[in-house]
Amino acid sequence: MTSRPEVCVGAIVVDEGELLVIRRGFGPGGGKWSIPGGRVEGGETLAEAVVRELAEETGLEGVCESLVGWAERIGLGYHHVILDFRITLLDRGVPTAGGDAVEAAWVPLGQVAELNLVEGLAEFLHDHGILEVIT
């Protein structure tokens, strides 16, 4: 049985031709690469949530900008409605994995699709003009 939908956010950070990505340690995307993000907590705005998740998972601070788009992931025991936002970093820096991220890295845009990405991420990034090529 699938649980009730949960609101989640994702941080799309592109800087100097690279995308900020994290490798999830557990959960539905465990072991796979994704963008920083997670669940919105009670009483938290979407902007607050995405900035918090970015800091928790990468150690970097940013400002929430425009909504890029949304995605929905449904699986055994979860139903995530994910709103992805562009983020402007306050200082690029070297990402440090934290929270449920076991790795964090800057990856050149042309190499992102070569990673073992969570389901649908490459297509989402391509459809929203972040990645030119996904094969």
N, C-alpha and C. Protein backbone atom coordinates (compact mmCIF):
# COMPACT_ATOMS: atom_id res chain seq x y z
N MET A 1 0.84 -1.18 0.00
CA MET A 1 0.00 0.00 0.00
C MET A 1 0.88 1.25 0.00
N THR A 2 0.49 2.23 -0.77
CA THR A 2 1.23 3.48 -0.86
C THR A 2 0.75 4.44 0.22
N SER A 3 1.68 5.16 0.81
CA SER A 3 1.34 6.11 1.85
C SER A 3 0.75 7.38 1.25
N ARG A 4 0.29 8.27 2.12
CA ARG A 4 -0.24 9.56 1.68
C ARG A 4 0.87 10.36 1.02
N PRO A 5 0.52 11.24 0.10
CA PRO A 5 1.55 12.07 -0.55
C PRO A 5 2.25 12.97 0.45
N GLU A 6 3.56 13.11 0.26
CA GLU A 6 4.38 14.01 1.07
C GLU A 6 4.96 15.07 0.14
N VAL A 7 4.97 16.32 0.60
CA VAL A 7 5.55 17.41 -0.18
C VAL A 7 7.05 17.42 0.05
N CYS A 8 7.80 17.44 -1.04
CA CYS A 8 9.25 17.46 -1.00
C CYS A 8 9.77 18.57 -1.90
N VAL A 9 11.03 18.94 -1.70
CA VAL A 9 11.66 19.97 -2.51
C VAL A 9 13.01 19.47 -3.01
N GLY A 10 13.47 20.06 -4.11
CA GLY A 10 14.79 19.76 -4.65
C GLY A 10 15.49 21.04 -5.03
N ALA A 11 16.81 21.05 -4.87
CA ALA A 11 17.64 22.22 -5.17
C ALA A 11 18.42 22.00 -6.46
N ILE A 12 18.13 22.79 -7.46
CA ILE A 12 18.88 22.73 -8.72
C ILE A 12 19.89 23.87 -8.69
N VAL A 13 21.16 23.47 -8.52
CA VAL A 13 22.24 24.43 -8.40
C VAL A 13 23.20 24.21 -9.57
N VAL A 14 23.24 25.17 -10.49
CA VAL A 14 24.16 25.13 -11.62
C VAL A 14 25.10 26.31 -11.47
N ASP A 15 26.41 26.00 -11.51
CA ASP A 15 27.42 27.05 -11.37
C ASP A 15 28.64 26.66 -12.19
N GLU A 16 29.15 27.60 -12.97
CA GLU A 16 30.35 27.37 -13.79
C GLU A 16 30.23 26.11 -14.64
N GLY A 17 29.02 25.87 -15.21
CA GLY A 17 28.82 24.72 -16.09
C GLY A 17 28.74 23.38 -15.39
N GLU A 18 28.55 23.41 -14.07
CA GLU A 18 28.46 22.17 -13.31
C GLU A 18 27.17 22.14 -12.50
N LEU A 19 26.68 20.92 -12.25
CA LEU A 19 25.49 20.71 -11.44
C LEU A 19 25.92 20.13 -10.09
N LEU A 20 25.34 20.65 -9.01
CA LEU A 20 25.60 20.12 -7.68
C LEU A 20 24.71 18.90 -7.47
N VAL A 21 25.33 17.75 -7.17
CA VAL A 21 24.59 16.51 -6.97
C VAL A 21 25.02 15.84 -5.68
N ILE A 22 24.14 14.98 -5.17
CA ILE A 22 24.45 14.18 -3.99
C ILE A 22 24.09 12.72 -4.28
N ARG A 23 24.77 11.81 -3.59
CA ARG A 23 24.41 10.39 -3.69
C ARG A 23 23.69 10.04 -2.40
N ARG A 24 22.46 9.56 -2.55
CA ARG A 24 21.61 9.22 -1.41
C ARG A 24 22.13 7.99 -0.69
N GLY A 25 22.07 8.03 0.64
CA GLY A 25 22.54 6.91 1.44
C GLY A 25 21.49 5.83 1.64
N PHE A 26 20.21 6.23 1.63
CA PHE A 26 19.14 5.26 1.88
C PHE A 26 17.83 5.81 1.33
N GLY A 27 16.75 5.11 1.56
CA GLY A 27 15.45 5.53 1.05
C GLY A 27 15.23 5.05 -0.37
N PRO A 28 14.17 5.56 -1.02
CA PRO A 28 13.84 5.10 -2.37
C PRO A 28 14.98 5.26 -3.37
N GLY A 29 15.81 6.28 -3.22
CA GLY A 29 16.92 6.51 -4.16
C GLY A 29 18.27 6.11 -3.59
N GLY A 30 18.28 5.27 -2.57
CA GLY A 30 19.52 4.88 -1.91
C GLY A 30 20.57 4.38 -2.89
N GLY A 31 21.78 4.93 -2.78
CA GLY A 31 22.89 4.52 -3.65
C GLY A 31 22.94 5.25 -4.98
N LYS A 32 21.92 6.02 -5.29
CA LYS A 32 21.86 6.72 -6.58
C LYS A 32 22.11 8.21 -6.39
N TRP A 33 22.48 8.86 -7.48
CA TRP A 33 22.75 10.29 -7.49
C TRP A 33 21.48 11.07 -7.75
N SER A 34 21.38 12.22 -7.11
CA SER A 34 20.21 13.08 -7.24
C SER A 34 20.64 14.52 -6.98
N ILE A 35 19.67 15.40 -6.97
CA ILE A 35 19.93 16.77 -6.54
C ILE A 35 19.62 16.83 -5.04
N PRO A 36 20.22 17.77 -4.32
CA PRO A 36 19.92 17.89 -2.89
C PRO A 36 18.43 18.17 -2.68
N GLY A 37 17.85 17.60 -1.63
CA GLY A 37 16.45 17.85 -1.36
C GLY A 37 15.87 16.87 -0.38
N GLY A 38 14.60 17.08 -0.05
CA GLY A 38 13.93 16.19 0.88
C GLY A 38 12.57 16.72 1.25
N ARG A 39 12.01 16.19 2.33
CA ARG A 39 10.66 16.53 2.76
C ARG A 39 10.56 17.93 3.36
N VAL A 40 9.42 18.55 3.15
CA VAL A 40 9.11 19.83 3.78
C VAL A 40 8.57 19.51 5.18
N GLU A 41 9.11 20.19 6.18
CA GLU A 41 8.68 19.96 7.55
C GLU A 41 7.50 20.88 7.88
N GLY A 42 6.69 20.49 8.87
CA GLY A 42 5.54 21.27 9.29
C GLY A 42 5.94 22.70 9.65
N GLY A 43 5.18 23.68 9.18
CA GLY A 43 5.42 25.07 9.48
C GLY A 43 6.54 25.71 8.66
N GLU A 44 7.11 24.96 7.73
CA GLU A 44 8.23 25.43 6.93
C GLU A 44 7.73 25.81 5.53
N THR A 45 8.19 26.93 4.99
CA THR A 45 7.84 27.27 3.61
C THR A 45 8.67 26.42 2.67
N LEU A 46 8.25 26.36 1.41
CA LEU A 46 9.02 25.62 0.41
C LEU A 46 10.43 26.18 0.29
N ALA A 47 10.54 27.52 0.27
CA ALA A 47 11.85 28.17 0.15
C ALA A 47 12.74 27.83 1.34
N GLU A 48 12.17 27.85 2.54
CA GLU A 48 12.95 27.50 3.73
C GLU A 48 13.41 26.04 3.66
N ALA A 49 12.52 25.17 3.22
CA ALA A 49 12.84 23.75 3.15
C ALA A 49 13.97 23.46 2.17
N VAL A 50 13.93 24.07 0.99
CA VAL A 50 14.95 23.76 -0.01
C VAL A 50 16.32 24.31 0.41
N VAL A 51 16.33 25.47 1.04
CA VAL A 51 17.60 26.04 1.53
C VAL A 51 18.14 25.19 2.68
N ARG A 52 17.26 24.72 3.58
CA ARG A 52 17.68 23.85 4.68
C ARG A 52 18.25 22.55 4.16
N GLU A 53 17.53 21.90 3.23
CA GLU A 53 18.00 20.63 2.68
C GLU A 53 19.35 20.79 1.97
N LEU A 54 19.52 21.88 1.23
CA LEU A 54 20.79 22.15 0.57
C LEU A 54 21.91 22.21 1.60
N ALA A 55 21.70 22.95 2.68
CA ALA A 55 22.72 23.08 3.72
C ALA A 55 22.99 21.74 4.42
N GLU A 56 21.93 20.99 4.74
CA GLU A 56 22.11 19.72 5.42
C GLU A 56 22.88 18.71 4.57
N GLU A 57 22.58 18.66 3.29
CA GLU A 57 23.15 17.61 2.44
C GLU A 57 24.46 17.99 1.76
N THR A 58 24.78 19.30 1.69
CA THR A 58 26.01 19.70 1.00
C THR A 58 26.89 20.64 1.81
N GLY A 59 26.36 21.22 2.89
CA GLY A 59 27.11 22.19 3.66
C GLY A 59 27.18 23.56 3.01
N LEU A 60 26.47 23.74 1.89
CA LEU A 60 26.50 25.01 1.16
C LEU A 60 25.23 25.81 1.44
N GLU A 61 25.36 27.12 1.39
CA GLU A 61 24.22 28.00 1.62
C GLU A 61 23.79 28.67 0.33
N GLY A 62 22.49 28.81 0.17
CA GLY A 62 21.98 29.43 -1.04
C GLY A 62 20.69 30.17 -0.80
N VAL A 63 20.20 30.77 -1.88
CA VAL A 63 18.95 31.52 -1.87
C VAL A 63 18.01 30.85 -2.85
N CYS A 64 16.78 30.61 -2.44
CA CYS A 64 15.78 29.99 -3.30
C CYS A 64 15.33 31.00 -4.35
N GLU A 65 15.35 30.57 -5.59
CA GLU A 65 14.92 31.41 -6.72
C GLU A 65 13.61 30.84 -7.28
N SER A 66 13.50 30.73 -8.57
CA SER A 66 12.25 30.34 -9.22
C SER A 66 12.01 28.83 -9.21
N LEU A 67 10.73 28.48 -9.29
CA LEU A 67 10.33 27.08 -9.43
C LEU A 67 10.70 26.62 -10.84
N VAL A 68 11.41 25.50 -10.93
CA VAL A 68 11.79 24.92 -12.22
C VAL A 68 10.67 24.02 -12.71
N GLY A 69 10.13 23.20 -11.81
CA GLY A 69 9.08 22.27 -12.18
C GLY A 69 8.81 21.31 -11.03
N TRP A 70 7.94 20.36 -11.29
CA TRP A 70 7.60 19.39 -10.25
C TRP A 70 7.64 17.99 -10.83
N ALA A 71 7.81 17.03 -9.94
CA ALA A 71 7.82 15.62 -10.31
C ALA A 71 7.08 14.85 -9.23
N GLU A 72 6.63 13.68 -9.59
CA GLU A 72 5.93 12.83 -8.63
C GLU A 72 6.56 11.46 -8.69
N ARG A 73 6.90 10.91 -7.53
CA ARG A 73 7.48 9.58 -7.45
C ARG A 73 6.62 8.75 -6.51
N ILE A 74 6.14 7.62 -7.02
CA ILE A 74 5.28 6.74 -6.23
C ILE A 74 5.88 5.34 -6.26
N GLY A 75 6.03 4.78 -5.08
CA GLY A 75 6.57 3.43 -4.97
C GLY A 75 6.00 2.75 -3.74
N LEU A 76 6.51 1.58 -3.45
CA LEU A 76 6.04 0.82 -2.31
C LEU A 76 6.34 1.58 -1.02
N GLY A 77 5.30 2.07 -0.36
CA GLY A 77 5.46 2.78 0.90
C GLY A 77 5.76 4.25 0.81
N TYR A 78 5.77 4.82 -0.38
CA TYR A 78 6.01 6.27 -0.48
C TYR A 78 5.28 6.88 -1.68
N HIS A 79 4.98 8.16 -1.54
CA HIS A 79 4.39 8.97 -2.60
C HIS A 79 4.92 10.38 -2.38
N HIS A 80 5.90 10.78 -3.19
CA HIS A 80 6.54 12.08 -3.04
C HIS A 80 6.12 13.02 -4.17
N VAL A 81 5.65 14.19 -3.80
CA VAL A 81 5.38 15.27 -4.75
C VAL A 81 6.54 16.25 -4.55
N ILE A 82 7.40 16.37 -5.58
CA ILE A 82 8.66 17.11 -5.45
C ILE A 82 8.61 18.38 -6.28
N LEU A 83 8.85 19.52 -5.61
CA LEU A 83 8.93 20.81 -6.29
C LEU A 83 10.40 21.21 -6.33
N ASP A 84 10.93 21.36 -7.54
CA ASP A 84 12.35 21.66 -7.71
C ASP A 84 12.55 23.15 -8.02
N PHE A 85 13.48 23.76 -7.29
CA PHE A 85 13.75 25.19 -7.40
C PHE A 85 15.19 25.46 -7.81
N ARG A 86 15.38 26.52 -8.59
CA ARG A 86 16.73 27.02 -8.86
C ARG A 86 17.25 27.66 -7.59
N ILE A 87 18.51 27.44 -7.32
CA ILE A 87 19.16 28.00 -6.14
C ILE A 87 20.38 28.79 -6.59
N THR A 88 20.55 29.96 -6.01
CA THR A 88 21.77 30.75 -6.20
C THR A 88 22.59 30.60 -4.94
N LEU A 89 23.83 30.14 -5.09
CA LEU A 89 24.70 29.95 -3.93
C LEU A 89 25.21 31.29 -3.42
N LEU A 90 25.41 31.36 -2.11
CA LEU A 90 26.03 32.53 -1.51
C LEU A 90 27.54 32.46 -1.72
N ASP A 91 28.10 31.23 -1.72
CA ASP A 91 29.52 31.00 -1.96
C ASP A 91 29.64 29.59 -2.50
N ARG A 92 30.25 29.43 -3.69
CA ARG A 92 30.30 28.11 -4.33
C ARG A 92 30.89 27.05 -3.41
N GLY A 93 32.07 27.16 -2.97
CA GLY A 93 32.67 26.22 -2.04
C GLY A 93 32.70 24.77 -2.49
N VAL A 94 33.32 23.95 -1.68
CA VAL A 94 33.40 22.50 -1.91
C VAL A 94 32.28 21.86 -1.10
N PRO A 95 31.41 21.08 -1.74
CA PRO A 95 30.31 20.45 -0.99
C PRO A 95 30.81 19.35 -0.06
N THR A 96 30.17 19.27 1.10
CA THR A 96 30.47 18.24 2.09
C THR A 96 29.18 17.48 2.37
N ALA A 97 29.19 16.18 2.11
CA ALA A 97 27.98 15.37 2.29
C ALA A 97 27.54 15.34 3.74
N GLY A 98 26.23 15.44 3.96
CA GLY A 98 25.65 15.35 5.29
C GLY A 98 24.20 14.93 5.18
N GLY A 99 23.51 14.83 6.30
CA GLY A 99 22.11 14.37 6.27
C GLY A 99 22.06 12.96 5.72
N ASP A 100 21.17 12.72 4.77
CA ASP A 100 21.10 11.37 4.18
C ASP A 100 21.93 11.26 2.90
N ALA A 101 22.79 12.24 2.64
CA ALA A 101 23.70 12.18 1.49
C ALA A 101 25.03 11.58 1.92
N VAL A 102 25.52 10.60 1.17
CA VAL A 102 26.81 9.99 1.49
C VAL A 102 27.93 10.55 0.64
N GLU A 103 27.59 11.26 -0.44
CA GLU A 103 28.57 11.95 -1.26
C GLU A 103 27.92 13.20 -1.81
N ALA A 104 28.73 14.22 -2.06
CA ALA A 104 28.26 15.45 -2.69
C ALA A 104 29.36 15.91 -3.64
N ALA A 105 28.98 16.37 -4.83
CA ALA A 105 29.99 16.73 -5.82
C ALA A 105 29.45 17.70 -6.86
N TRP A 106 30.37 18.43 -7.47
CA TRP A 106 30.07 19.23 -8.65
C TRP A 106 30.39 18.36 -9.86
N VAL A 107 29.43 18.23 -10.78
CA VAL A 107 29.63 17.39 -11.97
C VAL A 107 29.35 18.25 -13.21
N PRO A 108 30.28 18.23 -14.18
CA PRO A 108 30.03 18.98 -15.41
C PRO A 108 28.69 18.56 -16.03
N LEU A 109 27.93 19.54 -16.52
CA LEU A 109 26.59 19.26 -17.07
C LEU A 109 26.62 18.15 -18.11
N GLY A 110 27.65 18.11 -18.94
CA GLY A 110 27.74 17.09 -19.98
C GLY A 110 27.99 15.69 -19.47
N GLN A 111 28.32 15.55 -18.18
CA GLN A 111 28.60 14.23 -17.61
C GLN A 111 27.52 13.75 -16.62
N VAL A 112 26.55 14.60 -16.33
CA VAL A 112 25.52 14.25 -15.34
C VAL A 112 24.76 12.99 -15.72
N ALA A 113 24.37 12.88 -16.98
CA ALA A 113 23.56 11.73 -17.42
C ALA A 113 24.33 10.41 -17.35
N GLU A 114 25.66 10.47 -17.20
CA GLU A 114 26.46 9.25 -17.10
C GLU A 114 26.42 8.66 -15.69
N LEU A 115 25.95 9.44 -14.72
CA LEU A 115 25.85 8.97 -13.34
C LEU A 115 24.69 7.99 -13.18
N ASN A 116 24.73 7.21 -12.12
CA ASN A 116 23.62 6.32 -11.77
C ASN A 116 22.58 7.18 -11.04
N LEU A 117 21.73 7.85 -11.82
CA LEU A 117 20.77 8.82 -11.29
C LEU A 117 19.48 8.17 -10.81
N VAL A 118 18.81 8.85 -9.89
CA VAL A 118 17.48 8.41 -9.48
C VAL A 118 16.56 8.45 -10.70
N GLU A 119 15.55 7.62 -10.67
CA GLU A 119 14.62 7.48 -11.78
C GLU A 119 14.02 8.82 -12.21
N GLY A 120 14.10 9.10 -13.50
CA GLY A 120 13.45 10.26 -14.08
C GLY A 120 14.20 11.58 -13.97
N LEU A 121 15.33 11.61 -13.23
CA LEU A 121 16.01 12.89 -13.04
C LEU A 121 16.62 13.43 -14.33
N ALA A 122 17.30 12.60 -15.09
CA ALA A 122 17.92 13.08 -16.34
C ALA A 122 16.86 13.64 -17.27
N GLU A 123 15.75 12.95 -17.39
CA GLU A 123 14.67 13.42 -18.27
C GLU A 123 14.10 14.74 -17.77
N PHE A 124 13.90 14.86 -16.46
CA PHE A 124 13.38 16.09 -15.88
C PHE A 124 14.33 17.26 -16.18
N LEU A 125 15.61 17.05 -15.93
CA LEU A 125 16.58 18.12 -16.16
C LEU A 125 16.66 18.50 -17.63
N HIS A 126 16.53 17.52 -18.50
CA HIS A 126 16.52 17.80 -19.94
C HIS A 126 15.26 18.56 -20.34
N ASP A 127 14.12 18.10 -19.88
CA ASP A 127 12.84 18.74 -20.22
C ASP A 127 12.77 20.19 -19.75
N HIS A 128 13.53 20.54 -18.71
CA HIS A 128 13.50 21.89 -18.15
C HIS A 128 14.72 22.72 -18.52
N GLY A 129 15.46 22.25 -19.55
CA GLY A 129 16.55 23.03 -20.10
C GLY A 129 17.84 23.07 -19.29
N ILE A 130 17.98 22.18 -18.31
CA ILE A 130 19.20 22.15 -17.50
C ILE A 130 20.27 21.32 -18.22
N LEU A 131 19.89 20.17 -18.75
CA LEU A 131 20.80 19.31 -19.50
C LEU A 131 20.43 19.34 -20.98
N GLU A 132 21.44 19.45 -21.83
CA GLU A 132 21.20 19.42 -23.27
C GLU A 132 21.02 18.01 -23.77
N VAL A 133 21.86 17.09 -23.28
CA VAL A 133 21.87 15.70 -23.75
C VAL A 133 21.71 14.77 -22.56
N ILE A 134 20.91 13.71 -22.74
CA ILE A 134 20.72 12.76 -21.63
C ILE A 134 21.09 11.33 -22.01
N THR A 135 21.75 11.14 -23.14
CA THR A 135 22.15 9.78 -23.52
C THR A 135 23.64 9.67 -23.60
